[in-house]
Amino acid sequence: MADKELEDDDPYEFVAVRFPMEEGVDADEVMARCFVEEYALMGMPPDRMLALFRSAFFAGTNAILQRRGEEFVESIIRDVYGPAAQGVA
């Protein structure tokens, strides 16, 4: 962390924003797919992707895993990476 205190109007302050989802949309599925697609585009292999969801250090991905389970996450990883995804059950 920086040695100085952040100012109230600091433009680099982290701000999380929630937005409403349409009725019937699975927000966990949308968010998990977003994470998986983003990291897949950066070249992360599927086995490391699952580790990202398992790690409590990554609060967003881990929260989805805790709510929905590994089978849910693995199915999204397989869907994004296709049938050639190695390392995901």
PDB file of N, CA and C in Angstrom:
ATOM      1  N   MET A   1       0.848  -1.185   0.000  1.00  0.00           N
ATOM      2  CA  MET A   1       0.000   0.000   0.000  1.00  0.00           C
ATOM      3  C   MET A   1       0.878   1.226   0.000  1.00  0.00           C
ATOM      4  N   ALA A   2       0.369   2.309  -0.522  1.00  0.00           N
ATOM      5  CA  ALA A   2       1.109   3.568  -0.592  1.00  0.00           C
ATOM      6  C   ALA A   2       1.439   4.076   0.805  1.00  0.00           C
ATOM      7  N   ASP A   3       2.505   4.870   0.886  1.00  0.00           N
ATOM      8  CA  ASP A   3       2.931   5.423   2.169  1.00  0.00           C
ATOM      9  C   ASP A   3       2.084   6.605   2.609  1.00  0.00           C
ATOM     10  N   LYS A   4       1.306   7.156   1.717  1.00  0.00           N
ATOM     11  CA  LYS A   4       0.478   8.303   2.078  1.00  0.00           C
ATOM     12  C   LYS A   4      -0.992   7.913   2.080  1.00  0.00           C
ATOM     13  N   GLU A   5      -1.773   8.645   2.804  1.00  0.00           N
ATOM     14  CA  GLU A   5      -3.211   8.404   2.841  1.00  0.00           C
ATOM     15  C   GLU A   5      -3.845   8.845   1.520  1.00  0.00           C
ATOM     16  N   LEU A   6      -4.848   8.117   1.068  1.00  0.00           N
ATOM     17  CA  LEU A   6      -5.561   8.515  -0.148  1.00  0.00           C
ATOM     18  C   LEU A   6      -6.458   9.704   0.156  1.00  0.00           C
ATOM     19  N   GLU A   7      -6.562  10.574  -0.803  1.00  0.00           N
ATOM     20  CA  GLU A   7      -7.427  11.736  -0.642  1.00  0.00           C
ATOM     21  C   GLU A   7      -8.862  11.363  -1.000  1.00  0.00           C
ATOM     22  N   ASP A   8      -9.824  12.127  -0.474  1.00  0.00           N
ATOM     23  CA  ASP A   8     -11.243  11.838  -0.702  1.00  0.00           C
ATOM     24  C   ASP A   8     -11.620  11.818  -2.177  1.00  0.00           C
ATOM     25  N   ASP A   9     -10.967  12.641  -2.986  1.00  0.00           N
ATOM     26  CA  ASP A   9     -11.311  12.716  -4.407  1.00  0.00           C
ATOM     27  C   ASP A   9     -10.291  11.985  -5.291  1.00  0.00           C
ATOM     28  N   ASP A  10      -9.609  10.995  -4.738  1.00  0.00           N
ATOM     29  CA  ASP A  10      -8.589  10.255  -5.466  1.00  0.00           C
ATOM     30  C   ASP A  10      -9.220   9.540  -6.665  1.00  0.00           C
ATOM     31  N   PRO A  11      -8.765   9.824  -7.890  1.00  0.00           N
ATOM     32  CA  PRO A  11      -9.362   9.197  -9.076  1.00  0.00           C
ATOM     33  C   PRO A  11      -9.025   7.711  -9.199  1.00  0.00           C
ATOM     34  N   TYR A  12      -8.049   7.210  -8.425  1.00  0.00           N
ATOM     35  CA  TYR A  12      -7.658   5.802  -8.513  1.00  0.00           C
ATOM     36  C   TYR A  12      -8.273   4.948  -7.409  1.00  0.00           C
ATOM     37  N   GLU A  13      -9.162   5.528  -6.641  1.00  0.00           N
ATOM     38  CA  GLU A  13      -9.823   4.776  -5.590  1.00  0.00           C
ATOM     39  C   GLU A  13     -10.702   3.699  -6.215  1.00  0.00           C
ATOM     40  N   PHE A  14     -10.620   2.479  -5.656  1.00  0.00           N
ATOM     41  CA  PHE A  14     -11.426   1.369  -6.155  1.00  0.00           C
ATOM     42  C   PHE A  14     -12.893   1.617  -5.804  1.00  0.00           C
ATOM     43  N   VAL A  15     -13.750   1.465  -6.799  1.00  0.00           N
ATOM     44  CA  VAL A  15     -15.180   1.635  -6.588  1.00  0.00           C
ATOM     45  C   VAL A  15     -15.890   0.450  -7.231  1.00  0.00           C
ATOM     46  N   ALA A  16     -16.632  -0.294  -6.422  1.00  0.00           N
ATOM     47  CA  ALA A  16     -17.415  -1.412  -6.946  1.00  0.00           C
ATOM     48  C   ALA A  16     -18.845  -0.940  -7.153  1.00  0.00           C
ATOM     49  N   VAL A  17     -19.419  -1.343  -8.254  1.00  0.00           N
ATOM     50  CA  VAL A  17     -20.782  -0.923  -8.576  1.00  0.00           C
ATOM     51  C   VAL A  17     -21.600  -2.157  -8.915  1.00  0.00           C
ATOM     52  N   ARG A  18     -22.768  -2.248  -8.350  1.00  0.00           N
ATOM     53  CA  ARG A  18     -23.697  -3.333  -8.690  1.00  0.00           C
ATOM     54  C   ARG A  18     -24.759  -2.762  -9.613  1.00  0.00           C
ATOM     55  N   PHE A  19     -25.278  -3.608 -10.462  1.00  0.00           N
ATOM     56  CA  PHE A  19     -26.355  -3.160 -11.327  1.00  0.00           C
ATOM     57  C   PHE A  19     -27.428  -4.241 -11.371  1.00  0.00           C
ATOM     58  N   PRO A  20     -28.660  -3.841 -11.560  1.00  0.00           N
ATOM     59  CA  PRO A  20     -29.746  -4.825 -11.549  1.00  0.00           C
ATOM     60  C   PRO A  20     -29.695  -5.727 -12.782  1.00  0.00           C
ATOM     61  N   MET A  21     -30.084  -6.972 -12.572  1.00  0.00           N
ATOM     62  CA  MET A  21     -30.149  -7.942 -13.667  1.00  0.00           C
ATOM     63  C   MET A  21     -31.615  -8.167 -14.012  1.00  0.00           C
ATOM     64  N   GLU A  22     -31.857  -8.499 -15.242  1.00  0.00           N
ATOM     65  CA  GLU A  22     -33.221  -8.826 -15.659  1.00  0.00           C
ATOM     66  C   GLU A  22     -33.702 -10.064 -14.923  1.00  0.00           C
ATOM     67  N   GLU A  23     -34.974 -10.145 -14.717  1.00  0.00           N
ATOM     68  CA  GLU A  23     -35.578 -11.305 -14.056  1.00  0.00           C
ATOM     69  C   GLU A  23     -35.226 -12.570 -14.822  1.00  0.00           C
ATOM     70  N   GLY A  24     -34.780 -13.586 -14.102  1.00  0.00           N
ATOM     71  CA  GLY A  24     -34.468 -14.865 -14.720  1.00  0.00           C
ATOM     72  C   GLY A  24     -33.030 -15.018 -15.200  1.00  0.00           C
ATOM     73  N   VAL A  25     -32.232 -13.954 -15.165  1.00  0.00           N
ATOM     74  CA  VAL A  25     -30.837 -14.044 -15.585  1.00  0.00           C
ATOM     75  C   VAL A  25     -30.013 -14.569 -14.412  1.00  0.00           C
ATOM     76  N   ASP A  26     -29.173 -15.552 -14.669  1.00  0.00           N
ATOM     77  CA  ASP A  26     -28.311 -16.135 -13.642  1.00  0.00           C
ATOM     78  C   ASP A  26     -27.051 -15.276 -13.533  1.00  0.00           C
ATOM     79  N   ALA A  27     -27.011 -14.407 -12.534  1.00  0.00           N
ATOM     80  CA  ALA A  27     -25.893 -13.471 -12.380  1.00  0.00           C
ATOM     81  C   ALA A  27     -24.575 -14.207 -12.143  1.00  0.00           C
ATOM     82  N   ASP A  28     -24.598 -15.311 -11.389  1.00  0.00           N
ATOM     83  CA  ASP A  28     -23.369 -16.077 -11.166  1.00  0.00           C
ATOM     84  C   ASP A  28     -22.832 -16.640 -12.475  1.00  0.00           C
ATOM     85  N   GLU A  29     -23.717 -17.121 -13.330  1.00  0.00           N
ATOM     86  CA  GLU A  29     -23.273 -17.686 -14.609  1.00  0.00           C
ATOM     87  C   GLU A  29     -22.675 -16.603 -15.498  1.00  0.00           C
ATOM     88  N   VAL A  30     -23.308 -15.454 -15.539  1.00  0.00           N
ATOM     89  CA  VAL A  30     -22.812 -14.346 -16.355  1.00  0.00           C
ATOM     90  C   VAL A  30     -21.435 -13.890 -15.863  1.00  0.00           C
ATOM     91  N   MET A  31     -21.299 -13.738 -14.555  1.00  0.00           N
ATOM     92  CA  MET A  31     -20.037 -13.261 -13.997  1.00  0.00           C
ATOM     93  C   MET A  31     -18.933 -14.303 -14.141  1.00  0.00           C
ATOM     94  N   ALA A  32     -19.245 -15.562 -13.858  1.00  0.00           N
ATOM     95  CA  ALA A  32     -18.237 -16.620 -13.989  1.00  0.00           C
ATOM     96  C   ALA A  32     -17.758 -16.727 -15.436  1.00  0.00           C
ATOM     97  N   ARG A  33     -18.694 -16.681 -16.384  1.00  0.00           N
ATOM     98  CA  ARG A  33     -18.321 -16.748 -17.798  1.00  0.00           C
ATOM     99  C   ARG A  33     -17.436 -15.556 -18.173  1.00  0.00           C
ATOM    100  N   CYS A  34     -17.750 -14.396 -17.655  1.00  0.00           N
ATOM    101  CA  CYS A  34     -16.945 -13.200 -17.920  1.00  0.00           C
ATOM    102  C   CYS A  34     -15.510 -13.402 -17.427  1.00  0.00           C
ATOM    103  N   PHE A  35     -15.358 -13.893 -16.183  1.00  0.00           N
ATOM    104  CA  PHE A  35     -14.019 -14.163 -15.637  1.00  0.00           C
ATOM    105  C   PHE A  35     -13.282 -15.172 -16.506  1.00  0.00           C
ATOM    106  N   VAL A  36     -13.934 -16.282 -16.818  1.00  0.00           N
ATOM    107  CA  VAL A  36     -13.278 -17.349 -17.577  1.00  0.00           C
ATOM    108  C   VAL A  36     -12.884 -16.860 -18.967  1.00  0.00           C
ATOM    109  N   GLU A  37     -13.780 -16.182 -19.663  1.00  0.00           N
ATOM    110  CA  GLU A  37     -13.454 -15.687 -21.004  1.00  0.00           C
ATOM    111  C   GLU A  37     -12.290 -14.700 -20.962  1.00  0.00           C
ATOM    112  N   GLU A  38     -12.290 -13.809 -19.989  1.00  0.00           N
ATOM    113  CA  GLU A  38     -11.227 -12.800 -19.895  1.00  0.00           C
ATOM    114  C   GLU A  38      -9.861 -13.456 -19.684  1.00  0.00           C
ATOM    115  N   TYR A  39      -9.777 -14.375 -18.723  1.00  0.00           N
ATOM    116  CA  TYR A  39      -8.500 -15.027 -18.468  1.00  0.00           C
ATOM    117  C   TYR A  39      -8.110 -15.975 -19.594  1.00  0.00           C
ATOM    118  N   ALA A  40      -9.078 -16.610 -20.235  1.00  0.00           N
ATOM    119  CA  ALA A  40      -8.776 -17.484 -21.377  1.00  0.00           C
ATOM    120  C   ALA A  40      -8.160 -16.673 -22.512  1.00  0.00           C
ATOM    121  N   LEU A  41      -8.690 -15.473 -22.735  1.00  0.00           N
ATOM    122  CA  LEU A  41      -8.136 -14.615 -23.792  1.00  0.00           C
ATOM    123  C   LEU A  41      -6.709 -14.171 -23.478  1.00  0.00           C
ATOM    124  N   MET A  42      -6.353 -14.166 -22.195  1.00  0.00           N
ATOM    125  CA  MET A  42      -4.984 -13.814 -21.803  1.00  0.00           C
ATOM    126  C   MET A  42      -4.061 -15.032 -21.818  1.00  0.00           C
ATOM    127  N   GLY A  43      -4.618 -16.211 -22.162  1.00  0.00           N
ATOM    128  CA  GLY A  43      -3.797 -17.407 -22.314  1.00  0.00           C
ATOM    129  C   GLY A  43      -3.731 -18.320 -21.107  1.00  0.00           C
ATOM    130  N   MET A  44      -4.564 -18.105 -20.104  1.00  0.00           N
ATOM    131  CA  MET A  44      -4.534 -18.969 -18.923  1.00  0.00           C
ATOM    132  C   MET A  44      -5.099 -20.346 -19.266  1.00  0.00           C
ATOM    133  N   PRO A  45      -4.371 -21.426 -18.928  1.00  0.00           N
ATOM    134  CA  PRO A  45      -4.893 -22.767 -19.196  1.00  0.00           C
ATOM    135  C   PRO A  45      -6.044 -23.106 -18.252  1.00  0.00           C
ATOM    136  N   PRO A  46      -6.907 -24.028 -18.656  1.00  0.00           N
ATOM    137  CA  PRO A  46      -8.103 -24.324 -17.864  1.00  0.00           C
ATOM    138  C   PRO A  46      -7.823 -24.839 -16.453  1.00  0.00           C
ATOM    139  N   ASP A  47      -6.732 -25.587 -16.259  1.00  0.00           N
ATOM    140  CA  ASP A  47      -6.452 -26.086 -14.912  1.00  0.00           C
ATOM    141  C   ASP A  47      -6.090 -24.945 -13.956  1.00  0.00           C
ATOM    142  N   ARG A  48      -5.412 -23.941 -14.448  1.00  0.00           N
ATOM    143  CA  ARG A  48      -5.108 -22.774 -13.617  1.00  0.00           C
ATOM    144  C   ARG A  48      -6.356 -21.940 -13.384  1.00  0.00           C
ATOM    145  N   MET A  49      -7.278 -21.983 -14.319  1.00  0.00           N
ATOM    146  CA  MET A  49      -8.528 -21.245 -14.163  1.00  0.00           C
ATOM    147  C   MET A  49      -9.295 -21.768 -12.954  1.00  0.00           C
ATOM    148  N   LEU A  50      -9.372 -23.077 -12.831  1.00  0.00           N
ATOM    149  CA  LEU A  50     -10.064 -23.665 -11.696  1.00  0.00           C
ATOM    150  C   LEU A  50      -9.366 -23.285 -10.392  1.00  0.00           C
ATOM    151  N   ALA A  51      -8.052 -23.232 -10.398  1.00  0.00           N
ATOM    152  CA  ALA A  51      -7.302 -22.826  -9.203  1.00  0.00           C
ATOM    153  C   ALA A  51      -7.639 -21.387  -8.815  1.00  0.00           C
ATOM    154  N   LEU A  52      -7.878 -20.550  -9.790  1.00  0.00           N
ATOM    155  CA  LEU A  52      -8.257 -19.158  -9.525  1.00  0.00           C
ATOM    156  C   LEU A  52      -9.594 -19.098  -8.781  1.00  0.00           C
ATOM    157  N   PHE A  53     -10.532 -19.932  -9.168  1.00  0.00           N
ATOM    158  CA  PHE A  53     -11.825 -19.973  -8.487  1.00  0.00           C
ATOM    159  C   PHE A  53     -11.696 -20.579  -7.087  1.00  0.00           C
ATOM    160  N   ARG A  54     -10.762 -21.496  -6.903  1.00  0.00           N
ATOM    161  CA  ARG A  54     -10.578 -22.144  -5.602  1.00  0.00           C
ATOM    162  C   ARG A  54      -9.882 -21.241  -4.590  1.00  0.00           C
ATOM    163  N   SER A  55      -9.120 -20.283  -5.054  1.00  0.00           N
ATOM    164  CA  SER A  55      -8.327 -19.435  -4.166  1.00  0.00           C
ATOM    165  C   SER A  55      -9.174 -18.350  -3.502  1.00  0.00           C
ATOM    166  N   ALA A  56      -9.116 -18.298  -2.178  1.00  0.00           N
ATOM    167  CA  ALA A  56      -9.842 -17.256  -1.430  1.00  0.00           C
ATOM    168  C   ALA A  56      -9.233 -15.878  -1.677  1.00  0.00           C
ATOM    169  N   PHE A  57      -8.016 -15.815  -2.218  1.00  0.00           N
ATOM    170  CA  PHE A  57      -7.373 -14.542  -2.529  1.00  0.00           C
ATOM    171  C   PHE A  57      -8.155 -13.783  -3.604  1.00  0.00           C
ATOM    172  N   PHE A  58      -8.820 -14.529  -4.495  1.00  0.00           N
ATOM    173  CA  PHE A  58      -9.628 -13.925  -5.557  1.00  0.00           C
ATOM    174  C   PHE A  58     -11.088 -13.974  -5.124  1.00  0.00           C
ATOM    175  N   ALA A  59     -11.528 -12.935  -4.433  1.00  0.00           N
ATOM    176  CA  ALA A  59     -12.835 -12.922  -3.766  1.00  0.00           C
ATOM    177  C   ALA A  59     -14.004 -13.133  -4.722  1.00  0.00           C
ATOM    178  N   GLY A  60     -13.975 -12.517  -5.883  1.00  0.00           N
ATOM    179  CA  GLY A  60     -15.094 -12.619  -6.816  1.00  0.00           C
ATOM    180  C   GLY A  60     -15.284 -14.016  -7.352  1.00  0.00           C
ATOM    181  N   THR A  61     -14.196 -14.616  -7.824  1.00  0.00           N
ATOM    182  CA  THR A  61     -14.300 -15.963  -8.374  1.00  0.00           C
ATOM    183  C   THR A  61     -14.587 -16.978  -7.275  1.00  0.00           C
ATOM    184  N   ASN A  62     -13.934 -16.819  -6.127  1.00  0.00           N
ATOM    185  CA  ASN A  62     -14.129 -17.763  -5.031  1.00  0.00           C
ATOM    186  C   ASN A  62     -15.549 -17.712  -4.491  1.00  0.00           C
ATOM    187  N   ALA A  63     -16.152 -16.539  -4.454  1.00  0.00           N
ATOM    188  CA  ALA A  63     -17.534 -16.427  -3.978  1.00  0.00           C
ATOM    189  C   ALA A  63     -18.482 -17.226  -4.871  1.00  0.00           C
ATOM    190  N   ILE A  64     -18.250 -17.191  -6.176  1.00  0.00           N
ATOM    191  CA  ILE A  64     -19.081 -17.962  -7.105  1.00  0.00           C
ATOM    192  C   ILE A  64     -18.901 -19.452  -6.843  1.00  0.00           C
ATOM    193  N   LEU A  65     -17.656 -19.882  -6.668  1.00  0.00           N
ATOM    194  CA  LEU A  65     -17.394 -21.295  -6.384  1.00  0.00           C
ATOM    195  C   LEU A  65     -18.072 -21.723  -5.085  1.00  0.00           C
ATOM    196  N   GLN A  66     -18.000 -20.891  -4.061  1.00  0.00           N
ATOM    197  CA  GLN A  66     -18.609 -21.230  -2.775  1.00  0.00           C
ATOM    198  C   GLN A  66     -20.136 -21.336  -2.884  1.00  0.00           C
ATOM    199  N   ARG A  67     -20.735 -20.436  -3.658  1.00  0.00           N
ATOM    200  CA  ARG A  67     -22.197 -20.464  -3.814  1.00  0.00           C
ATOM    201  C   ARG A  67     -22.675 -21.619  -4.683  1.00  0.00           C
ATOM    202  N   ARG A  68     -21.962 -21.887  -5.767  1.00  0.00           N
ATOM    203  CA  ARG A  68     -22.482 -22.798  -6.797  1.00  0.00           C
ATOM    204  C   ARG A  68     -21.747 -24.124  -6.902  1.00  0.00           C
ATOM    205  N   GLY A  69     -20.542 -24.230  -6.384  1.00  0.00           N
ATOM    206  CA  GLY A  69     -19.806 -25.490  -6.398  1.00  0.00           C
ATOM    207  C   GLY A  69     -18.890 -25.643  -7.607  1.00  0.00           C
ATOM    208  N   GLU A  70     -17.988 -26.631  -7.489  1.00  0.00           N
ATOM    209  CA  GLU A  70     -16.986 -26.852  -8.538  1.00  0.00           C
ATOM    210  C   GLU A  70     -17.603 -27.345  -9.841  1.00  0.00           C
ATOM    211  N   GLU A  71     -18.633 -28.160  -9.754  1.00  0.00           N
ATOM    212  CA  GLU A  71     -19.240 -28.679 -10.982  1.00  0.00           C
ATOM    213  C   GLU A  71     -19.772 -27.536 -11.849  1.00  0.00           C
ATOM    214  N   PHE A  72     -20.375 -26.537 -11.222  1.00  0.00           N
ATOM    215  CA  PHE A  72     -20.887 -25.362 -11.937  1.00  0.00           C
ATOM    216  C   PHE A  72     -19.745 -24.631 -12.643  1.00  0.00           C
ATOM    217  N   VAL A  73     -18.647 -24.391 -11.913  1.00  0.00           N
ATOM    218  CA  VAL A  73     -17.496 -23.679 -12.481  1.00  0.00           C
ATOM    219  C   VAL A  73     -16.849 -24.503 -13.584  1.00  0.00           C
ATOM    220  N   GLU A  74     -16.672 -25.794 -13.347  1.00  0.00           N
ATOM    221  CA  GLU A  74     -16.060 -26.656 -14.355  1.00  0.00           C
ATOM    222  C   GLU A  74     -16.868 -26.686 -15.650  1.00  0.00           C
ATOM    223  N   SER A  75     -18.187 -26.651 -15.533  1.00  0.00           N
ATOM    224  CA  SER A  75     -19.017 -26.684 -16.746  1.00  0.00           C
ATOM    225  C   SER A  75     -18.836 -25.406 -17.567  1.00  0.00           C
ATOM    226  N   ILE A  76     -18.672 -24.281 -16.909  1.00  0.00           N
ATOM    227  CA  ILE A  76     -18.438 -23.023 -17.633  1.00  0.00           C
ATOM    228  C   ILE A  76     -17.057 -23.045 -18.277  1.00  0.00           C
ATOM    229  N   ILE A  77     -16.064 -23.540 -17.554  1.00  0.00           N
ATOM    230  CA  ILE A  77     -14.709 -23.626 -18.115  1.00  0.00           C
ATOM    231  C   ILE A  77     -14.715 -24.519 -19.351  1.00  0.00           C
ATOM    232  N   ARG A  78     -15.361 -25.682 -19.264  1.00  0.00           N
ATOM    233  CA  ARG A  78     -15.435 -26.583 -20.436  1.00  0.00           C
ATOM    234  C   ARG A  78     -16.166 -25.920 -21.599  1.00  0.00           C
ATOM    235  N   ASP A  79     -17.221 -25.174 -21.287  1.00  0.00           N
ATOM    236  CA  ASP A  79     -17.989 -24.511 -22.337  1.00  0.00           C
ATOM    237  C   ASP A  79     -17.154 -23.445 -23.045  1.00  0.00           C
ATOM    238  N   VAL A  80     -16.375 -22.695 -22.289  1.00  0.00           N
ATOM    239  CA  VAL A  80     -15.561 -21.626 -22.879  1.00  0.00           C
ATOM    240  C   VAL A  80     -14.366 -22.199 -23.643  1.00  0.00           C
ATOM    241  N   TYR A  81     -13.678 -23.169 -23.049  1.00  0.00           N
ATOM    242  CA  TYR A  81     -12.474 -23.717 -23.672  1.00  0.00           C
ATOM    243  C   TYR A  81     -12.776 -24.758 -24.746  1.00  0.00           C
ATOM    244  N   GLY A  82     -13.978 -25.303 -24.725  1.00  0.00           N
ATOM    245  CA  GLY A  82     -14.329 -26.310 -25.712  1.00  0.00           C
ATOM    246  C   GLY A  82     -13.912 -27.698 -25.279  1.00  0.00           C
ATOM    247  N   PRO A  83     -14.167 -28.684 -26.148  1.00  0.00           N
ATOM    248  CA  PRO A  83     -13.919 -30.085 -25.788  1.00  0.00           C
ATOM    249  C   PRO A  83     -12.457 -30.414 -25.573  1.00  0.00           C
ATOM    250  N   ALA A  84     -11.546 -29.585 -26.034  1.00  0.00           N
ATOM    251  CA  ALA A  84     -10.130 -29.868 -25.881  1.00  0.00           C
ATOM    252  C   ALA A  84      -9.576 -29.399 -24.542  1.00  0.00           C
ATOM    253  N   ALA A  85     -10.428 -28.881 -23.654  1.00  0.00           N
ATOM    254  CA  ALA A  85      -9.958 -28.395 -22.356  1.00  0.00           C
ATOM    255  C   ALA A  85      -9.352 -29.531 -21.558  1.00  0.00           C
ATOM    256  N   GLN A  86      -8.080 -29.413 -21.267  1.00  0.00           N
ATOM    257  CA  GLN A  86      -7.368 -30.424 -20.482  1.00  0.00           C
ATOM    258  C   GLN A  86      -7.275 -29.972 -19.035  1.00  0.00           C
ATOM    259  N   GLY A  87      -7.333 -30.904 -18.135  1.00  0.00           N
ATOM    260  CA  GLY A  87      -7.139 -30.584 -16.732  1.00  0.00           C
ATOM    261  C   GLY A  87      -8.409 -30.215 -15.981  1.00  0.00           C
ATOM    262  N   VAL A  88      -9.553 -30.241 -16.644  1.00  0.00           N
ATOM    263  CA  VAL A  88     -10.825 -29.950 -15.974  1.00  0.00           C
ATOM    264  C   VAL A  88     -11.688 -31.174 -16.135  1.00  0.00           C
ATOM    265  N   ALA A  89     -12.137 -31.684 -15.001  1.00  0.00           N
ATOM    266  CA  ALA A  89     -12.947 -32.911 -15.023  1.00  0.00           C
ATOM    267  C   ALA A  89     -14.226 -32.726 -15.799  1.00  0.00           C
TER     268      ALA A  89
END
